[in-house]
Amino acid sequence: QVQLVESGGGLVQPGGSLRLSCAASGSIDSIYAMAWYRQAPGKERETVASITNRGNIDYAPAVKGRFTISRDNAWSAVYLQMNSLKPEDTAVYYCNADTFEAANWGEAWGQGTQVTVSS
């Protein structure tokens, strides 16, 4: 199993930047993709950015050009650099990992970290 712990959230003014980190532990060799999701109050959880073991990277249209996802080579951490933040980026941000181990597909979620963009 994989355990994920996010950090780096907080309060930032519009136009500011934050860097989120997600530390992975456990069976990290089983990870083949990781992603950041977010959920704003009263809204459904949505994908923000994803990265695969083949280096494929995707972004939600709302964050493309402002956010950057990256990871270390061992899948022990994934990051989300968020620039030019807007009030609509306010949400709880979750880290997700897709895994394949012992012929079983699975996924893991972190507990979330709050990002608030406000003046």
N, C-alpha and C. Protein backbone atom coordinates (compact mmCIF):
# COMPACT_ATOMS: atom_id res chain seq x y z
N GLN A 1 0.84 -1.19 0.00
CA GLN A 1 0.00 0.00 0.00
C GLN A 1 0.87 1.25 0.00
N VAL A 2 0.28 2.33 -0.47
CA VAL A 2 0.98 3.61 -0.55
C VAL A 2 0.29 4.60 0.37
N GLN A 3 1.08 5.36 1.11
CA GLN A 3 0.56 6.43 1.95
C GLN A 3 1.06 7.77 1.38
N LEU A 4 0.16 8.75 1.39
CA LEU A 4 0.46 10.07 0.83
C LEU A 4 0.20 11.15 1.88
N VAL A 5 1.11 12.11 1.97
CA VAL A 5 0.94 13.22 2.89
C VAL A 5 1.25 14.51 2.16
N GLU A 6 0.25 15.40 2.08
CA GLU A 6 0.43 16.69 1.42
C GLU A 6 0.91 17.75 2.40
N SER A 7 1.57 18.75 1.87
CA SER A 7 1.98 19.91 2.66
C SER A 7 2.14 21.11 1.73
N GLY A 8 2.23 22.29 2.34
CA GLY A 8 2.51 23.48 1.55
C GLY A 8 1.33 24.40 1.31
N GLY A 9 0.14 24.00 1.74
CA GLY A 9 -1.01 24.87 1.56
C GLY A 9 -0.94 26.08 2.48
N GLY A 10 -1.88 27.00 2.28
CA GLY A 10 -1.91 28.18 3.12
C GLY A 10 -2.73 29.29 2.49
N LEU A 11 -2.58 30.47 3.07
CA LEU A 11 -3.27 31.66 2.59
C LEU A 11 -2.31 32.50 1.76
N VAL A 12 -2.75 32.90 0.57
CA VAL A 12 -1.90 33.70 -0.31
C VAL A 12 -2.78 34.73 -1.01
N GLN A 13 -2.20 35.86 -1.33
CA GLN A 13 -2.93 36.91 -2.03
C GLN A 13 -3.04 36.59 -3.52
N PRO A 14 -4.06 37.12 -4.17
CA PRO A 14 -4.16 36.92 -5.63
C PRO A 14 -2.89 37.37 -6.33
N GLY A 15 -2.46 36.56 -7.29
CA GLY A 15 -1.21 36.81 -7.98
C GLY A 15 0.00 36.16 -7.35
N GLY A 16 -0.18 35.63 -6.17
CA GLY A 16 0.93 35.01 -5.45
C GLY A 16 1.19 33.58 -5.89
N SER A 17 2.13 32.94 -5.20
CA SER A 17 2.55 31.58 -5.54
C SER A 17 2.57 30.70 -4.30
N LEU A 18 2.36 29.42 -4.54
CA LEU A 18 2.52 28.39 -3.51
C LEU A 18 3.09 27.15 -4.17
N ARG A 19 3.80 26.37 -3.38
CA ARG A 19 4.32 25.09 -3.87
C ARG A 19 3.81 24.00 -2.95
N LEU A 20 3.01 23.10 -3.50
CA LEU A 20 2.50 21.97 -2.73
C LEU A 20 3.43 20.78 -2.91
N SER A 21 3.58 20.02 -1.83
CA SER A 21 4.38 18.80 -1.88
C SER A 21 3.53 17.63 -1.43
N CYS A 22 3.81 16.48 -2.00
CA CYS A 22 3.15 15.25 -1.60
C CYS A 22 4.22 14.19 -1.41
N ALA A 23 4.38 13.75 -0.18
CA ALA A 23 5.37 12.72 0.13
C ALA A 23 4.71 11.36 0.12
N ALA A 24 5.29 10.44 -0.64
CA ALA A 24 4.76 9.08 -0.75
C ALA A 24 5.64 8.12 0.03
N SER A 25 5.01 7.14 0.66
CA SER A 25 5.75 6.11 1.38
C SER A 25 5.02 4.79 1.21
N GLY A 26 5.68 3.73 1.62
CA GLY A 26 5.11 2.40 1.46
C GLY A 26 5.57 1.78 0.16
N SER A 27 4.65 1.18 -0.58
CA SER A 27 4.98 0.46 -1.82
C SER A 27 5.07 1.43 -3.01
N ILE A 28 6.04 2.35 -2.94
CA ILE A 28 6.12 3.38 -3.99
C ILE A 28 6.54 2.78 -5.33
N ASP A 29 7.13 1.60 -5.32
CA ASP A 29 7.48 0.94 -6.58
C ASP A 29 6.24 0.56 -7.39
N SER A 30 5.08 0.54 -6.73
CA SER A 30 3.85 0.17 -7.42
C SER A 30 3.18 1.36 -8.11
N ILE A 31 3.69 2.58 -7.86
CA ILE A 31 3.08 3.78 -8.43
C ILE A 31 3.44 3.91 -9.91
N TYR A 32 2.44 4.18 -10.75
CA TYR A 32 2.71 4.43 -12.16
C TYR A 32 2.20 5.79 -12.62
N ALA A 33 1.43 6.46 -11.77
CA ALA A 33 0.96 7.81 -12.10
C ALA A 33 0.56 8.51 -10.81
N MET A 34 0.72 9.81 -10.81
CA MET A 34 0.27 10.61 -9.68
C MET A 34 -0.43 11.85 -10.19
N ALA A 35 -1.26 12.42 -9.35
CA ALA A 35 -2.04 13.58 -9.78
C ALA A 35 -2.40 14.44 -8.58
N TRP A 36 -2.74 15.67 -8.89
CA TRP A 36 -3.31 16.60 -7.92
C TRP A 36 -4.76 16.85 -8.30
N TYR A 37 -5.62 16.78 -7.30
CA TYR A 37 -7.03 17.11 -7.45
C TYR A 37 -7.33 18.27 -6.51
N ARG A 38 -8.47 18.89 -6.72
CA ARG A 38 -8.93 19.92 -5.78
C ARG A 38 -10.44 19.88 -5.68
N GLN A 39 -10.91 20.33 -4.53
CA GLN A 39 -12.34 20.38 -4.30
C GLN A 39 -12.67 21.67 -3.57
N ALA A 40 -13.45 22.51 -4.22
CA ALA A 40 -13.90 23.77 -3.62
C ALA A 40 -15.23 23.53 -2.92
N PRO A 41 -15.59 24.36 -1.95
CA PRO A 41 -16.87 24.18 -1.25
C PRO A 41 -18.04 24.15 -2.22
N GLY A 42 -18.88 23.12 -2.07
CA GLY A 42 -20.07 23.01 -2.90
C GLY A 42 -19.82 22.51 -4.31
N LYS A 43 -18.58 22.15 -4.60
CA LYS A 43 -18.26 21.68 -5.95
C LYS A 43 -17.69 20.27 -5.90
N GLU A 44 -17.69 19.61 -7.05
CA GLU A 44 -17.13 18.27 -7.13
C GLU A 44 -15.59 18.34 -7.20
N ARG A 45 -14.99 17.23 -6.79
CA ARG A 45 -13.53 17.15 -6.89
C ARG A 45 -13.15 17.11 -8.37
N GLU A 46 -12.10 17.84 -8.72
CA GLU A 46 -11.67 17.91 -10.11
C GLU A 46 -10.17 17.68 -10.22
N THR A 47 -9.77 17.15 -11.36
CA THR A 47 -8.34 16.93 -11.61
C THR A 47 -7.68 18.25 -11.93
N VAL A 48 -6.54 18.51 -11.32
CA VAL A 48 -5.77 19.73 -11.57
C VAL A 48 -4.62 19.44 -12.52
N ALA A 49 -3.86 18.40 -12.21
CA ALA A 49 -2.70 18.05 -13.03
C ALA A 49 -2.33 16.60 -12.76
N SER A 50 -1.74 15.95 -13.76
CA SER A 50 -1.34 14.56 -13.60
C SER A 50 -0.02 14.32 -14.31
N ILE A 51 0.69 13.29 -13.84
CA ILE A 51 1.96 12.91 -14.44
C ILE A 51 2.10 11.40 -14.37
N THR A 52 2.59 10.80 -15.46
CA THR A 52 2.70 9.34 -15.51
C THR A 52 4.17 8.91 -15.51
N ASN A 53 4.36 7.59 -15.40
CA ASN A 53 5.72 7.07 -15.40
C ASN A 53 6.38 7.19 -16.76
N ARG A 54 5.61 7.50 -17.79
CA ARG A 54 6.18 7.72 -19.12
C ARG A 54 6.43 9.20 -19.37
N GLY A 55 6.18 10.02 -18.35
CA GLY A 55 6.45 11.45 -18.49
C GLY A 55 5.32 12.24 -19.11
N ASN A 56 4.16 11.59 -19.30
CA ASN A 56 3.01 12.33 -19.84
C ASN A 56 2.43 13.22 -18.76
N ILE A 57 2.22 14.47 -19.11
CA ILE A 57 1.71 15.47 -18.18
C ILE A 57 0.46 16.13 -18.77
N ASP A 58 -0.56 16.26 -17.95
CA ASP A 58 -1.79 16.94 -18.37
C ASP A 58 -2.19 17.95 -17.30
N TYR A 59 -2.82 19.01 -17.77
CA TYR A 59 -3.33 20.05 -16.87
C TYR A 59 -4.78 20.36 -17.20
N ALA A 60 -5.53 20.74 -16.18
CA ALA A 60 -6.87 21.26 -16.40
C ALA A 60 -6.74 22.59 -17.13
N PRO A 61 -7.65 22.89 -18.03
CA PRO A 61 -7.57 24.16 -18.77
C PRO A 61 -7.49 25.38 -17.86
N ALA A 62 -8.13 25.31 -16.71
CA ALA A 62 -8.17 26.47 -15.82
C ALA A 62 -6.81 26.80 -15.20
N VAL A 63 -5.89 25.83 -15.20
CA VAL A 63 -4.59 26.06 -14.54
C VAL A 63 -3.42 26.00 -15.50
N LYS A 64 -3.67 25.62 -16.74
CA LYS A 64 -2.59 25.49 -17.71
C LYS A 64 -1.87 26.81 -17.90
N GLY A 65 -0.54 26.75 -17.85
CA GLY A 65 0.26 27.96 -17.97
C GLY A 65 0.56 28.63 -16.64
N ARG A 66 -0.15 28.23 -15.59
CA ARG A 66 0.08 28.81 -14.26
C ARG A 66 0.63 27.77 -13.27
N PHE A 67 0.21 26.53 -13.42
CA PHE A 67 0.63 25.48 -12.51
C PHE A 67 1.61 24.54 -13.21
N THR A 68 2.52 23.96 -12.43
CA THR A 68 3.48 23.00 -12.96
C THR A 68 3.57 21.81 -12.01
N ILE A 69 3.36 20.61 -12.55
CA ILE A 69 3.50 19.38 -11.76
C ILE A 69 4.86 18.77 -12.04
N SER A 70 5.48 18.23 -11.02
CA SER A 70 6.77 17.56 -11.19
C SER A 70 6.88 16.46 -10.14
N ARG A 71 7.86 15.60 -10.32
CA ARG A 71 8.04 14.50 -9.37
C ARG A 71 9.51 14.15 -9.30
N ASP A 72 9.87 13.41 -8.29
CA ASP A 72 11.23 12.89 -8.27
C ASP A 72 11.23 11.52 -8.96
N ASN A 73 12.40 11.05 -9.32
CA ASN A 73 12.48 9.85 -10.15
C ASN A 73 12.00 8.59 -9.43
N ALA A 74 12.02 8.61 -8.13
CA ALA A 74 11.67 7.40 -7.37
C ALA A 74 10.21 7.36 -6.96
N TRP A 75 9.42 8.33 -7.41
CA TRP A 75 8.02 8.43 -7.02
C TRP A 75 7.86 8.62 -5.51
N SER A 76 8.87 9.13 -4.84
CA SER A 76 8.71 9.38 -3.41
C SER A 76 8.09 10.74 -3.13
N ALA A 77 7.97 11.58 -4.17
CA ALA A 77 7.36 12.88 -3.97
C ALA A 77 6.85 13.43 -5.30
N VAL A 78 5.77 14.17 -5.21
CA VAL A 78 5.26 14.90 -6.36
C VAL A 78 4.95 16.32 -5.88
N TYR A 79 5.12 17.27 -6.77
CA TYR A 79 5.00 18.67 -6.41
C TYR A 79 4.02 19.39 -7.34
N LEU A 80 3.46 20.47 -6.84
CA LEU A 80 2.62 21.32 -7.67
C LEU A 80 3.02 22.77 -7.40
N GLN A 81 3.69 23.37 -8.37
CA GLN A 81 4.05 24.77 -8.28
C GLN A 81 2.89 25.58 -8.84
N MET A 82 2.34 26.46 -8.02
CA MET A 82 1.17 27.23 -8.42
C MET A 82 1.54 28.71 -8.44
N ASN A 83 1.47 29.30 -9.62
CA ASN A 83 1.79 30.72 -9.79
C ASN A 83 0.55 31.49 -10.25
N SER A 84 0.61 32.78 -10.13
CA SER A 84 -0.49 33.65 -10.56
C SER A 84 -1.82 33.16 -10.01
N LEU A 85 -1.84 32.88 -8.74
CA LEU A 85 -3.04 32.30 -8.11
C LEU A 85 -4.22 33.26 -8.15
N LYS A 86 -5.39 32.69 -8.30
CA LYS A 86 -6.64 33.44 -8.39
C LYS A 86 -7.57 32.99 -7.26
N PRO A 87 -8.50 33.84 -6.87
CA PRO A 87 -9.45 33.42 -5.82
C PRO A 87 -10.18 32.12 -6.16
N GLU A 88 -10.42 31.88 -7.43
CA GLU A 88 -11.11 30.65 -7.83
C GLU A 88 -10.24 29.41 -7.69
N ASP A 89 -8.98 29.57 -7.37
CA ASP A 89 -8.12 28.42 -7.08
C ASP A 89 -8.28 27.94 -5.64
N THR A 90 -9.04 28.68 -4.86
CA THR A 90 -9.27 28.29 -3.47
C THR A 90 -9.98 26.95 -3.39
N ALA A 91 -9.37 26.02 -2.67
CA ALA A 91 -9.92 24.67 -2.57
C ALA A 91 -9.04 23.85 -1.64
N VAL A 92 -9.52 22.67 -1.30
CA VAL A 92 -8.66 21.67 -0.67
C VAL A 92 -8.00 20.88 -1.80
N TYR A 93 -6.69 20.79 -1.74
CA TYR A 93 -5.92 20.10 -2.78
C TYR A 93 -5.50 18.72 -2.26
N TYR A 94 -5.77 17.71 -3.08
CA TYR A 94 -5.48 16.33 -2.71
C TYR A 94 -4.46 15.73 -3.66
N CYS A 95 -3.60 14.92 -3.11
CA CYS A 95 -2.64 14.14 -3.88
C CYS A 95 -3.20 12.74 -4.10
N ASN A 96 -2.99 12.21 -5.29
CA ASN A 96 -3.50 10.89 -5.65
C ASN A 96 -2.41 10.09 -6.33
N ALA A 97 -2.37 8.80 -6.05
CA ALA A 97 -1.44 7.91 -6.73
C ALA A 97 -2.19 6.71 -7.27
N ASP A 98 -1.92 6.36 -8.52
CA ASP A 98 -2.45 5.13 -9.11
C ASP A 98 -1.39 4.05 -9.01
N THR A 99 -1.79 2.87 -8.61
CA THR A 99 -0.82 1.81 -8.35
C THR A 99 -1.20 0.53 -9.06
N PHE A 100 -0.19 -0.29 -9.29
CA PHE A 100 -0.39 -1.65 -9.80
C PHE A 100 0.58 -2.55 -9.06
N GLU A 101 0.03 -3.48 -8.29
CA GLU A 101 0.85 -4.34 -7.46
C GLU A 101 0.18 -5.69 -7.31
N ALA A 102 0.97 -6.76 -7.49
CA ALA A 102 0.45 -8.12 -7.34
C ALA A 102 -0.80 -8.31 -8.19
N ALA A 103 -0.73 -7.83 -9.42
CA ALA A 103 -1.82 -7.97 -10.40
C ALA A 103 -3.09 -7.23 -10.00
N ASN A 104 -2.97 -6.31 -9.09
CA ASN A 104 -4.13 -5.53 -8.65
C ASN A 104 -3.91 -4.04 -8.89
N TRP A 105 -4.94 -3.40 -9.48
CA TRP A 105 -4.93 -1.96 -9.65
C TRP A 105 -5.44 -1.32 -8.35
N GLY A 106 -4.90 -0.20 -8.01
CA GLY A 106 -5.37 0.48 -6.81
C GLY A 106 -5.07 1.96 -6.87
N GLU A 107 -5.45 2.65 -5.84
CA GLU A 107 -5.13 4.07 -5.75
C GLU A 107 -5.03 4.48 -4.29
N ALA A 108 -4.33 5.57 -4.07
CA ALA A 108 -4.17 6.11 -2.72
C ALA A 108 -4.46 7.60 -2.76
N TRP A 109 -4.94 8.12 -1.64
CA TRP A 109 -5.25 9.53 -1.51
C TRP A 109 -4.60 10.09 -0.25
N GLY A 110 -4.18 11.34 -0.34
CA GLY A 110 -3.73 12.05 0.84
C GLY A 110 -4.92 12.66 1.57
N GLN A 111 -4.61 13.32 2.68
CA GLN A 111 -5.68 13.88 3.51
C GLN A 111 -6.11 15.27 3.04
N GLY A 112 -5.34 15.87 2.16
CA GLY A 112 -5.68 17.18 1.62
C GLY A 112 -4.98 18.32 2.33
N THR A 113 -4.77 19.39 1.60
CA THR A 113 -4.20 20.61 2.18
C THR A 113 -4.97 21.80 1.64
N GLN A 114 -5.32 22.71 2.54
CA GLN A 114 -6.16 23.86 2.16
C GLN A 114 -5.32 24.94 1.49
N VAL A 115 -5.83 25.42 0.35
CA VAL A 115 -5.24 26.58 -0.32
C VAL A 115 -6.32 27.66 -0.39
N THR A 116 -6.01 28.82 0.15
CA THR A 116 -6.95 29.93 0.14
C THR A 116 -6.29 31.13 -0.53
N VAL A 117 -6.93 31.63 -1.58
CA VAL A 117 -6.41 32.79 -2.30
C VAL A 117 -7.36 33.95 -2.05
N SER A 118 -6.88 34.91 -1.29
CA SER A 118 -7.74 36.02 -0.89
C SER A 118 -6.90 37.22 -0.50
N SER A 119 -7.44 38.39 -0.75
CA SER A 119 -6.76 39.62 -0.33
C SER A 119 -7.28 40.06 1.05
